[in-house]
N, C-alpha and C. Protein backbone atom coordinates (compact mmCIF):
# COMPACT_ATOMS: atom_id res chain seq x y z
N MET A 1 -81.32 121.58 -26.63
CA MET A 1 -80.30 120.84 -27.27
C MET A 1 -79.74 119.89 -26.16
N ASP A 2 -79.64 118.62 -26.60
CA ASP A 2 -79.25 117.55 -25.68
C ASP A 2 -77.87 117.17 -25.89
N GLN A 3 -76.93 117.64 -24.96
CA GLN A 3 -75.56 117.41 -25.10
C GLN A 3 -75.19 115.96 -25.16
N ARG A 4 -75.88 115.14 -24.17
CA ARG A 4 -75.57 113.80 -24.21
C ARG A 4 -75.97 113.02 -25.45
N LYS A 5 -77.07 113.44 -26.00
CA LYS A 5 -77.44 112.79 -27.21
C LYS A 5 -76.48 113.13 -28.41
N ILE A 6 -76.03 114.44 -28.41
CA ILE A 6 -75.05 114.79 -29.36
C ILE A 6 -73.76 114.06 -29.24
N GLY A 7 -73.34 113.81 -27.98
CA GLY A 7 -72.14 113.12 -27.69
C GLY A 7 -72.30 111.66 -28.05
N ALA A 8 -73.43 111.05 -27.86
CA ALA A 8 -73.59 109.57 -28.19
C ALA A 8 -73.54 109.48 -29.76
N PHE A 9 -74.06 110.45 -30.45
CA PHE A 9 -74.09 110.47 -31.81
C PHE A 9 -72.57 110.69 -32.44
N LEU A 10 -71.88 111.55 -31.86
CA LEU A 10 -70.49 111.66 -32.17
C LEU A 10 -69.69 110.44 -31.98
N ARG A 11 -70.00 109.71 -30.82
CA ARG A 11 -69.24 108.43 -30.60
C ARG A 11 -69.62 107.40 -31.63
N GLN A 12 -70.88 107.32 -31.99
CA GLN A 12 -71.43 106.43 -33.06
C GLN A 12 -70.76 106.67 -34.33
N LEU A 13 -70.64 107.96 -34.78
CA LEU A 13 -70.03 108.31 -35.98
C LEU A 13 -68.52 107.91 -36.08
N ARG A 14 -67.83 108.23 -34.84
CA ARG A 14 -66.39 107.86 -34.78
C ARG A 14 -66.23 106.38 -34.95
N LYS A 15 -67.06 105.59 -34.23
CA LYS A 15 -66.93 104.20 -34.28
C LYS A 15 -67.27 103.54 -35.67
N GLU A 16 -68.25 104.24 -36.28
CA GLU A 16 -68.59 103.74 -37.68
C GLU A 16 -67.38 104.02 -38.65
N SER A 17 -66.60 105.03 -38.34
CA SER A 17 -65.40 105.31 -39.11
C SER A 17 -64.22 104.57 -38.69
N SER A 18 -64.31 103.62 -37.78
CA SER A 18 -63.28 102.80 -37.17
C SER A 18 -62.12 103.68 -36.71
N LEU A 19 -62.32 104.67 -35.95
CA LEU A 19 -61.42 105.60 -35.41
C LEU A 19 -61.35 105.48 -33.87
N THR A 20 -60.21 105.68 -33.32
CA THR A 20 -60.04 105.75 -31.88
C THR A 20 -60.26 107.29 -31.57
N GLN A 21 -60.44 107.56 -30.33
CA GLN A 21 -60.55 109.00 -29.85
C GLN A 21 -59.32 109.79 -30.10
N GLU A 22 -58.22 109.07 -29.99
CA GLU A 22 -56.78 109.68 -30.21
C GLU A 22 -56.70 110.04 -31.65
N GLN A 23 -57.05 109.12 -32.57
CA GLN A 23 -56.95 109.33 -33.97
C GLN A 23 -57.82 110.53 -34.38
N LEU A 24 -59.02 110.60 -33.92
CA LEU A 24 -59.92 111.72 -34.25
C LEU A 24 -59.34 113.02 -33.70
N ALA A 25 -58.80 112.98 -32.47
CA ALA A 25 -58.24 114.20 -31.93
C ALA A 25 -57.10 114.69 -32.56
N GLU A 26 -56.33 113.73 -33.08
CA GLU A 26 -55.11 114.19 -33.89
C GLU A 26 -55.53 114.88 -35.19
N HIS A 27 -56.52 114.26 -35.87
CA HIS A 27 -57.04 114.93 -37.11
C HIS A 27 -57.63 116.31 -36.88
N LEU A 28 -58.25 116.47 -35.63
CA LEU A 28 -58.86 117.78 -35.34
C LEU A 28 -57.97 118.82 -34.72
N GLY A 29 -56.77 118.23 -34.27
CA GLY A 29 -55.89 119.10 -33.52
C GLY A 29 -56.27 119.43 -32.18
N VAL A 30 -56.97 118.51 -31.46
CA VAL A 30 -57.39 118.67 -30.10
C VAL A 30 -56.93 117.48 -29.26
N SER A 31 -57.04 117.39 -28.01
CA SER A 31 -56.61 116.29 -27.22
C SER A 31 -57.62 115.22 -27.24
N GLY A 32 -57.27 113.96 -26.89
CA GLY A 32 -58.04 112.83 -26.86
C GLY A 32 -59.10 113.00 -25.69
N ARG A 33 -58.66 113.74 -24.65
CA ARG A 33 -59.60 114.08 -23.46
C ARG A 33 -60.71 114.92 -23.97
N THR A 34 -60.39 115.91 -24.79
CA THR A 34 -61.51 116.74 -25.34
C THR A 34 -62.52 115.84 -26.14
N VAL A 35 -62.02 114.98 -26.99
CA VAL A 35 -63.04 114.14 -27.78
C VAL A 35 -63.80 113.31 -26.75
N SER A 36 -63.22 112.82 -25.65
CA SER A 36 -63.96 112.05 -24.72
C SER A 36 -64.97 112.91 -24.02
N ARG A 37 -64.75 114.15 -23.72
CA ARG A 37 -65.70 115.07 -23.09
C ARG A 37 -66.85 115.26 -24.07
N TRP A 38 -66.61 115.39 -25.29
CA TRP A 38 -67.71 115.61 -26.31
C TRP A 38 -68.66 114.39 -26.30
N GLU A 39 -67.95 113.21 -26.27
CA GLU A 39 -68.72 111.96 -26.45
C GLU A 39 -69.50 111.65 -25.22
N ASN A 40 -69.04 112.04 -24.04
CA ASN A 40 -69.76 111.84 -22.81
C ASN A 40 -70.87 112.96 -22.59
N GLY A 41 -70.93 113.86 -23.41
CA GLY A 41 -71.79 115.02 -23.25
C GLY A 41 -71.52 116.01 -22.22
N ASN A 42 -70.26 115.98 -21.75
CA ASN A 42 -69.81 116.94 -20.72
C ASN A 42 -69.46 118.28 -21.29
N ASN A 43 -69.20 118.24 -22.62
CA ASN A 43 -68.80 119.53 -23.35
C ASN A 43 -69.19 119.31 -24.77
N LEU A 44 -69.22 120.35 -25.55
CA LEU A 44 -69.51 120.39 -26.93
C LEU A 44 -68.35 121.11 -27.70
N PRO A 45 -68.18 120.55 -29.00
CA PRO A 45 -66.97 121.20 -29.73
C PRO A 45 -67.45 122.64 -30.14
N ASP A 46 -66.51 123.47 -30.42
CA ASP A 46 -66.70 124.75 -30.99
C ASP A 46 -67.47 124.63 -32.23
N LEU A 47 -68.09 125.70 -32.70
CA LEU A 47 -68.94 125.60 -33.90
C LEU A 47 -67.96 125.37 -35.15
N THR A 48 -66.85 125.81 -35.17
CA THR A 48 -65.93 125.58 -36.31
C THR A 48 -65.54 124.20 -36.36
N VAL A 49 -65.32 123.52 -35.16
CA VAL A 49 -64.99 122.05 -35.09
C VAL A 49 -66.19 121.26 -35.45
N LEU A 50 -67.36 121.70 -35.09
CA LEU A 50 -68.54 120.90 -35.34
C LEU A 50 -68.77 120.90 -36.87
N ILE A 51 -68.54 122.01 -37.55
CA ILE A 51 -68.65 122.02 -39.05
C ILE A 51 -67.66 121.15 -39.64
N GLU A 52 -66.37 121.14 -39.06
CA GLU A 52 -65.35 120.23 -39.59
C GLU A 52 -65.85 118.79 -39.36
N LEU A 53 -66.44 118.49 -38.21
CA LEU A 53 -66.85 117.06 -38.01
C LEU A 53 -67.91 116.74 -38.98
N ALA A 54 -68.84 117.65 -39.29
CA ALA A 54 -70.00 117.28 -40.14
C ALA A 54 -69.34 117.05 -41.61
N ASP A 55 -68.38 117.74 -41.97
CA ASP A 55 -67.67 117.52 -43.28
C ASP A 55 -66.95 116.14 -43.27
N TYR A 56 -66.26 115.90 -42.11
CA TYR A 56 -65.47 114.73 -42.03
C TYR A 56 -66.36 113.46 -42.09
N TYR A 57 -67.44 113.50 -41.32
CA TYR A 57 -68.25 112.34 -41.22
C TYR A 57 -69.31 112.30 -42.35
N GLN A 58 -69.39 113.43 -43.21
CA GLN A 58 -70.32 113.46 -44.32
C GLN A 58 -71.83 113.37 -43.84
N VAL A 59 -72.05 114.18 -42.81
CA VAL A 59 -73.41 114.28 -42.28
C VAL A 59 -73.81 115.65 -42.23
N GLY A 60 -75.05 115.97 -42.09
CA GLY A 60 -75.56 117.36 -42.04
C GLY A 60 -75.18 118.03 -40.73
N LEU A 61 -75.05 119.22 -40.63
CA LEU A 61 -74.86 120.00 -39.43
C LEU A 61 -76.04 119.83 -38.52
N ARG A 62 -77.17 119.90 -39.11
CA ARG A 62 -78.44 119.73 -38.36
C ARG A 62 -78.43 118.32 -37.67
N GLU A 63 -78.07 117.21 -38.39
CA GLU A 63 -78.06 115.92 -37.91
C GLU A 63 -77.07 115.91 -36.62
N LEU A 64 -75.94 116.54 -36.68
CA LEU A 64 -75.08 116.66 -35.47
C LEU A 64 -75.64 117.40 -34.38
N LEU A 65 -76.35 118.48 -34.66
CA LEU A 65 -77.00 119.31 -33.62
C LEU A 65 -78.15 118.59 -33.08
N ASN A 66 -78.87 117.66 -33.80
CA ASN A 66 -80.03 117.01 -33.33
C ASN A 66 -79.54 115.74 -32.62
N GLY A 67 -78.27 115.26 -32.93
CA GLY A 67 -77.88 113.96 -32.33
C GLY A 67 -78.39 112.82 -32.99
N GLU A 68 -78.82 112.78 -34.20
CA GLU A 68 -79.36 111.65 -34.83
C GLU A 68 -79.34 111.84 -36.34
N ARG A 69 -79.38 110.69 -37.10
CA ARG A 69 -79.48 110.76 -38.56
C ARG A 69 -80.97 111.17 -38.97
N GLU A 70 -81.05 111.86 -40.03
CA GLU A 70 -82.34 112.17 -40.63
C GLU A 70 -82.59 111.17 -41.69
N SER A 71 -83.90 110.70 -41.67
CA SER A 71 -84.34 109.73 -42.63
C SER A 71 -84.51 110.19 -44.08
N GLU A 72 -84.84 111.52 -44.14
CA GLU A 72 -85.01 112.10 -45.32
C GLU A 72 -84.32 113.51 -45.37
N PRO A 73 -83.90 113.97 -46.57
CA PRO A 73 -83.23 115.29 -46.59
C PRO A 73 -84.03 116.45 -46.00
N ALA A 74 -83.25 117.37 -45.47
CA ALA A 74 -83.99 118.52 -44.83
C ALA A 74 -84.76 119.29 -45.81
N GLN A 75 -86.01 119.64 -45.39
CA GLN A 75 -86.85 120.36 -46.32
C GLN A 75 -86.65 121.90 -46.18
N GLN A 76 -86.25 122.31 -44.95
CA GLN A 76 -86.12 123.70 -44.68
C GLN A 76 -84.83 124.12 -44.06
N GLU A 77 -84.15 125.07 -44.74
CA GLU A 77 -82.85 125.52 -44.27
C GLU A 77 -83.02 126.29 -42.99
N THR A 78 -84.20 126.88 -42.73
CA THR A 78 -84.41 127.60 -41.64
C THR A 78 -84.23 126.90 -40.35
N GLU A 79 -84.64 125.56 -40.30
CA GLU A 79 -84.47 124.77 -39.16
C GLU A 79 -82.94 124.55 -38.81
N THR A 80 -82.17 124.42 -39.86
CA THR A 80 -80.75 124.26 -39.66
C THR A 80 -80.12 125.54 -39.11
N LEU A 81 -80.52 126.65 -39.69
CA LEU A 81 -79.97 127.94 -39.18
C LEU A 81 -80.41 128.26 -37.78
N THR A 82 -81.62 127.86 -37.47
CA THR A 82 -82.05 128.04 -36.06
C THR A 82 -81.21 127.14 -35.13
N ALA A 83 -80.97 125.88 -35.47
CA ALA A 83 -80.16 125.01 -34.65
C ALA A 83 -78.67 125.56 -34.49
N VAL A 84 -78.12 126.08 -35.60
CA VAL A 84 -76.85 126.64 -35.52
C VAL A 84 -76.81 127.88 -34.64
N ALA A 85 -77.78 128.74 -34.74
CA ALA A 85 -77.82 129.95 -33.83
C ALA A 85 -77.95 129.59 -32.44
N GLU A 86 -78.87 128.49 -32.14
CA GLU A 86 -78.96 127.98 -30.75
C GLU A 86 -77.70 127.46 -30.23
N TYR A 87 -76.97 126.80 -31.10
CA TYR A 87 -75.70 126.22 -30.69
C TYR A 87 -74.68 127.28 -30.38
N SER A 88 -74.62 128.29 -31.28
CA SER A 88 -73.75 129.39 -31.11
C SER A 88 -73.99 130.17 -29.84
N SER A 89 -75.26 130.49 -29.64
CA SER A 89 -75.59 131.16 -28.43
C SER A 89 -75.28 130.35 -27.11
N GLU A 90 -75.50 129.06 -27.14
CA GLU A 90 -75.12 128.23 -25.99
C GLU A 90 -73.58 128.32 -25.69
N GLU A 91 -72.83 128.28 -26.85
CA GLU A 91 -71.42 128.27 -26.75
C GLU A 91 -70.91 129.69 -26.18
N LYS A 92 -71.53 130.79 -26.64
CA LYS A 92 -71.35 132.06 -26.08
C LYS A 92 -71.65 132.21 -24.67
N ARG A 93 -72.74 131.55 -24.24
CA ARG A 93 -73.25 131.55 -22.86
C ARG A 93 -72.22 130.99 -21.98
N ARG A 94 -71.65 129.77 -22.38
CA ARG A 94 -70.71 129.07 -21.55
C ARG A 94 -69.38 129.83 -21.52
N LEU A 95 -68.93 130.54 -22.58
CA LEU A 95 -67.82 131.33 -22.52
C LEU A 95 -67.96 132.46 -21.61
N LEU A 96 -69.10 133.15 -21.64
CA LEU A 96 -69.47 134.30 -20.79
C LEU A 96 -69.43 133.90 -19.35
N GLY A 97 -69.93 132.70 -19.03
CA GLY A 97 -69.94 132.24 -17.61
C GLY A 97 -68.54 132.03 -17.18
N ARG A 98 -67.68 131.45 -18.05
CA ARG A 98 -66.24 131.27 -17.60
C ARG A 98 -65.64 132.62 -17.35
N MET A 99 -65.89 133.68 -18.28
CA MET A 99 -65.25 134.97 -18.23
C MET A 99 -65.75 135.60 -16.84
N HIS A 100 -67.05 135.51 -16.51
CA HIS A 100 -67.48 136.07 -15.25
C HIS A 100 -66.75 135.55 -14.10
N ALA A 101 -66.67 134.17 -14.08
CA ALA A 101 -65.80 133.48 -12.98
C ALA A 101 -64.34 134.04 -12.94
N LEU A 102 -63.73 134.26 -14.03
CA LEU A 102 -62.36 134.69 -14.07
C LEU A 102 -62.25 136.09 -13.51
N PHE A 103 -63.26 136.95 -13.95
CA PHE A 103 -63.29 138.31 -13.48
C PHE A 103 -63.56 138.39 -12.06
N LEU A 104 -64.46 137.55 -11.52
CA LEU A 104 -64.77 137.60 -10.02
C LEU A 104 -63.52 137.10 -9.29
N ALA A 105 -62.80 136.11 -9.71
CA ALA A 105 -61.62 135.62 -9.04
C ALA A 105 -60.53 136.78 -9.06
N GLY A 106 -60.44 137.48 -10.14
CA GLY A 106 -59.41 138.60 -10.31
C GLY A 106 -59.89 139.73 -9.33
N LEU A 107 -61.15 139.92 -9.24
CA LEU A 107 -61.61 141.02 -8.35
C LEU A 107 -61.41 140.62 -6.89
N ALA A 108 -61.56 139.32 -6.54
CA ALA A 108 -61.24 138.88 -5.20
C ALA A 108 -59.80 139.04 -4.91
N GLY A 109 -58.92 138.78 -5.80
CA GLY A 109 -57.45 138.89 -5.64
C GLY A 109 -57.12 140.32 -5.40
N PHE A 110 -57.76 141.24 -6.27
CA PHE A 110 -57.43 142.67 -5.99
C PHE A 110 -57.91 143.12 -4.68
N ALA A 111 -59.20 142.69 -4.23
CA ALA A 111 -59.76 143.11 -2.97
C ALA A 111 -58.80 142.65 -1.91
N ALA A 112 -58.27 141.36 -1.96
CA ALA A 112 -57.45 140.90 -0.87
C ALA A 112 -56.21 141.80 -0.78
N ALA A 113 -55.60 142.09 -1.99
CA ALA A 113 -54.40 143.01 -1.99
C ALA A 113 -54.72 144.35 -1.41
N LEU A 114 -55.82 144.88 -1.77
CA LEU A 114 -56.23 146.19 -1.20
C LEU A 114 -56.37 146.21 0.27
N VAL A 115 -57.03 145.14 0.90
CA VAL A 115 -57.22 145.04 2.26
C VAL A 115 -55.78 145.01 2.94
N ILE A 116 -54.97 144.16 2.40
CA ILE A 116 -53.57 144.00 2.96
C ILE A 116 -52.81 145.31 2.96
N LEU A 117 -52.92 146.03 1.85
CA LEU A 117 -52.25 147.28 1.68
C LEU A 117 -52.80 148.41 2.60
N SER A 118 -54.17 148.53 2.73
CA SER A 118 -54.85 149.51 3.50
C SER A 118 -54.56 149.12 4.96
N ALA A 119 -54.31 147.98 5.39
CA ALA A 119 -53.99 147.65 6.81
C ALA A 119 -52.61 147.71 7.13
N ASP A 120 -51.78 148.13 6.19
CA ASP A 120 -50.31 148.26 6.38
C ASP A 120 -49.63 146.96 6.77
N LEU A 121 -50.19 145.93 6.22
CA LEU A 121 -49.55 144.62 6.49
C LEU A 121 -48.66 144.07 5.33
N GLU A 122 -48.42 144.99 4.37
CA GLU A 122 -47.63 144.54 3.19
C GLU A 122 -46.14 144.18 3.60
N ASN A 123 -45.72 144.62 4.76
CA ASN A 123 -44.34 144.31 5.04
C ASN A 123 -44.26 143.06 6.00
N THR A 124 -45.29 142.51 6.28
CA THR A 124 -45.29 141.23 7.10
C THR A 124 -45.17 140.08 6.15
N THR A 125 -44.45 139.12 6.58
CA THR A 125 -43.99 138.06 5.59
C THR A 125 -45.19 137.38 4.92
N PRO A 126 -46.20 136.76 5.61
CA PRO A 126 -47.14 136.05 4.75
C PRO A 126 -48.07 136.93 3.96
N TYR A 127 -48.29 138.21 4.50
CA TYR A 127 -49.22 139.11 3.75
C TYR A 127 -48.51 139.69 2.59
N GLN A 128 -47.22 139.83 2.56
CA GLN A 128 -46.56 140.41 1.39
C GLN A 128 -46.69 139.59 0.23
N GLU A 129 -46.52 138.28 0.44
CA GLU A 129 -46.73 137.37 -0.74
C GLU A 129 -48.13 137.32 -1.17
N LEU A 130 -49.18 137.35 -0.19
CA LEU A 130 -50.60 137.26 -0.55
C LEU A 130 -50.91 138.56 -1.32
N ALA A 131 -50.39 139.69 -0.96
CA ALA A 131 -50.74 140.86 -1.69
C ALA A 131 -50.17 140.89 -3.12
N GLY A 132 -48.89 140.45 -3.24
CA GLY A 132 -48.25 140.31 -4.52
C GLY A 132 -49.01 139.28 -5.46
N PHE A 133 -49.43 138.20 -4.85
CA PHE A 133 -50.25 137.19 -5.54
C PHE A 133 -51.54 137.73 -5.99
N GLY A 134 -52.25 138.45 -5.07
CA GLY A 134 -53.55 138.95 -5.40
C GLY A 134 -53.50 139.94 -6.56
N LEU A 135 -52.42 140.90 -6.49
CA LEU A 135 -52.40 141.88 -7.52
C LEU A 135 -52.04 141.17 -8.92
N GLY A 136 -51.10 140.19 -8.80
CA GLY A 136 -50.69 139.58 -10.05
C GLY A 136 -51.91 138.76 -10.71
N PHE A 137 -52.56 138.10 -9.80
CA PHE A 137 -53.81 137.38 -10.30
C PHE A 137 -54.77 138.30 -10.84
N ALA A 138 -55.05 139.43 -10.27
CA ALA A 138 -55.94 140.37 -10.84
C ALA A 138 -55.59 140.85 -12.07
N PHE A 139 -54.27 141.15 -12.22
CA PHE A 139 -53.75 141.66 -13.57
C PHE A 139 -53.95 140.54 -14.58
N GLY A 140 -53.59 139.40 -14.17
CA GLY A 140 -53.67 138.21 -15.15
C GLY A 140 -55.06 137.95 -15.65
N MET A 141 -56.11 138.13 -14.73
CA MET A 141 -57.42 137.88 -15.10
C MET A 141 -57.91 138.99 -16.09
N LEU A 142 -57.49 140.28 -15.83
CA LEU A 142 -57.81 141.39 -16.70
C LEU A 142 -57.18 141.15 -18.08
N PHE A 143 -56.00 140.55 -18.08
CA PHE A 143 -55.31 140.38 -19.36
C PHE A 143 -56.05 139.30 -20.15
N LEU A 144 -56.40 138.18 -19.45
CA LEU A 144 -57.12 137.07 -20.13
C LEU A 144 -58.47 137.64 -20.63
N GLY A 145 -59.08 138.46 -19.80
CA GLY A 145 -60.46 138.91 -20.30
C GLY A 145 -60.28 139.84 -21.51
N ALA A 146 -59.24 140.62 -21.51
CA ALA A 146 -59.08 141.47 -22.64
C ALA A 146 -58.80 140.67 -23.91
N ILE A 147 -58.05 139.60 -23.84
CA ILE A 147 -57.73 138.65 -24.94
C ILE A 147 -59.04 138.00 -25.32
N PHE A 148 -59.68 137.36 -24.45
CA PHE A 148 -60.92 136.52 -24.81
C PHE A 148 -62.01 137.32 -25.38
N THR A 149 -62.17 138.59 -25.02
CA THR A 149 -63.28 139.39 -25.45
C THR A 149 -62.86 140.21 -26.75
N SER A 150 -61.66 140.07 -27.17
CA SER A 150 -61.20 140.79 -28.41
C SER A 150 -61.38 139.91 -29.66
N ARG A 151 -61.13 140.54 -30.70
CA ARG A 151 -61.19 139.76 -31.98
C ARG A 151 -60.05 138.83 -32.20
N PHE A 152 -59.04 138.89 -31.32
CA PHE A 152 -57.87 137.98 -31.51
C PHE A 152 -58.04 136.63 -30.93
N ALA A 153 -59.19 136.40 -30.24
CA ALA A 153 -59.50 135.07 -29.67
C ALA A 153 -59.46 133.97 -30.67
N ALA A 154 -60.10 134.21 -31.75
CA ALA A 154 -60.19 133.20 -32.87
C ALA A 154 -58.90 132.98 -33.38
N ARG A 155 -58.03 133.92 -33.54
CA ARG A 155 -56.70 133.79 -34.15
C ARG A 155 -55.87 133.00 -33.21
N ILE A 156 -56.06 133.25 -31.88
CA ILE A 156 -55.26 132.45 -30.88
C ILE A 156 -55.61 130.97 -30.88
N ARG A 157 -56.96 130.70 -30.97
CA ARG A 157 -57.47 129.39 -31.04
C ARG A 157 -56.91 128.68 -32.29
N GLN A 158 -56.93 129.36 -33.40
CA GLN A 158 -56.43 128.76 -34.65
C GLN A 158 -54.92 128.48 -34.56
N ALA A 159 -54.17 129.39 -33.98
CA ALA A 159 -52.67 129.17 -33.80
C ALA A 159 -52.44 128.03 -32.80
N LYS A 160 -53.21 127.89 -31.77
CA LYS A 160 -53.13 126.80 -30.84
C LYS A 160 -53.31 125.45 -31.60
N ARG A 161 -54.34 125.47 -32.44
CA ARG A 161 -54.56 124.20 -33.19
C ARG A 161 -53.43 123.84 -34.12
N LYS A 162 -52.87 124.82 -34.82
CA LYS A 162 -51.80 124.56 -35.70
C LYS A 162 -50.51 124.06 -34.87
N LEU A 163 -50.32 124.65 -33.69
CA LEU A 163 -49.18 124.27 -32.80
C LEU A 163 -49.44 122.77 -32.29
N LEU A 164 -50.61 122.50 -31.91
CA LEU A 164 -50.87 121.13 -31.52
C LEU A 164 -50.75 120.10 -32.53
N SER A 165 -51.17 120.52 -33.74
CA SER A 165 -51.08 119.51 -34.86
C SER A 165 -49.59 119.22 -35.25
N LYS A 166 -48.61 120.27 -35.10
CA LYS A 166 -47.25 120.07 -35.34
C LYS A 166 -46.62 119.32 -34.40
N ILE A 167 -47.08 119.42 -33.02
CA ILE A 167 -46.52 118.62 -32.00
C ILE A 167 -46.81 117.07 -32.15
N ARG A 168 -48.00 116.84 -32.60
CA ARG A 168 -48.43 115.44 -32.83
C ARG A 168 -47.79 114.91 -34.04
């Protein structure tokens, strides 16, 4: 899957619709910067947003995933489902990578606090703050991990979109 090709196609579709990045972002409930990242191929929209884009631009989901218009209608639904599954697994892989980074950062914070506490340095001025920060950071990362790996992540994302659309 070529992110840059998909991004260029998204840009082409937006320009064909005579929309600015900000206008599209407002319609989707995301930031203009997010739309820019999609169009530059630095990031891809969530699958739910991709489906919304396909409906909005009146193109097939497979066309979006391939990054180009098809000259004739799709003959096999299997290809579309395969492309959607590939996209979904890529999205999950990116999320899992972010989660690993967060957990490792939390583990490092906990380890730093543990070293400070075991060396009896918690009453010394700079180390007291470092130990508190390390423990707080570790707790925060565990909390975020629990939220993102739960079934509530989709609900939180949906609530965030509603809130952003009300603000704009």
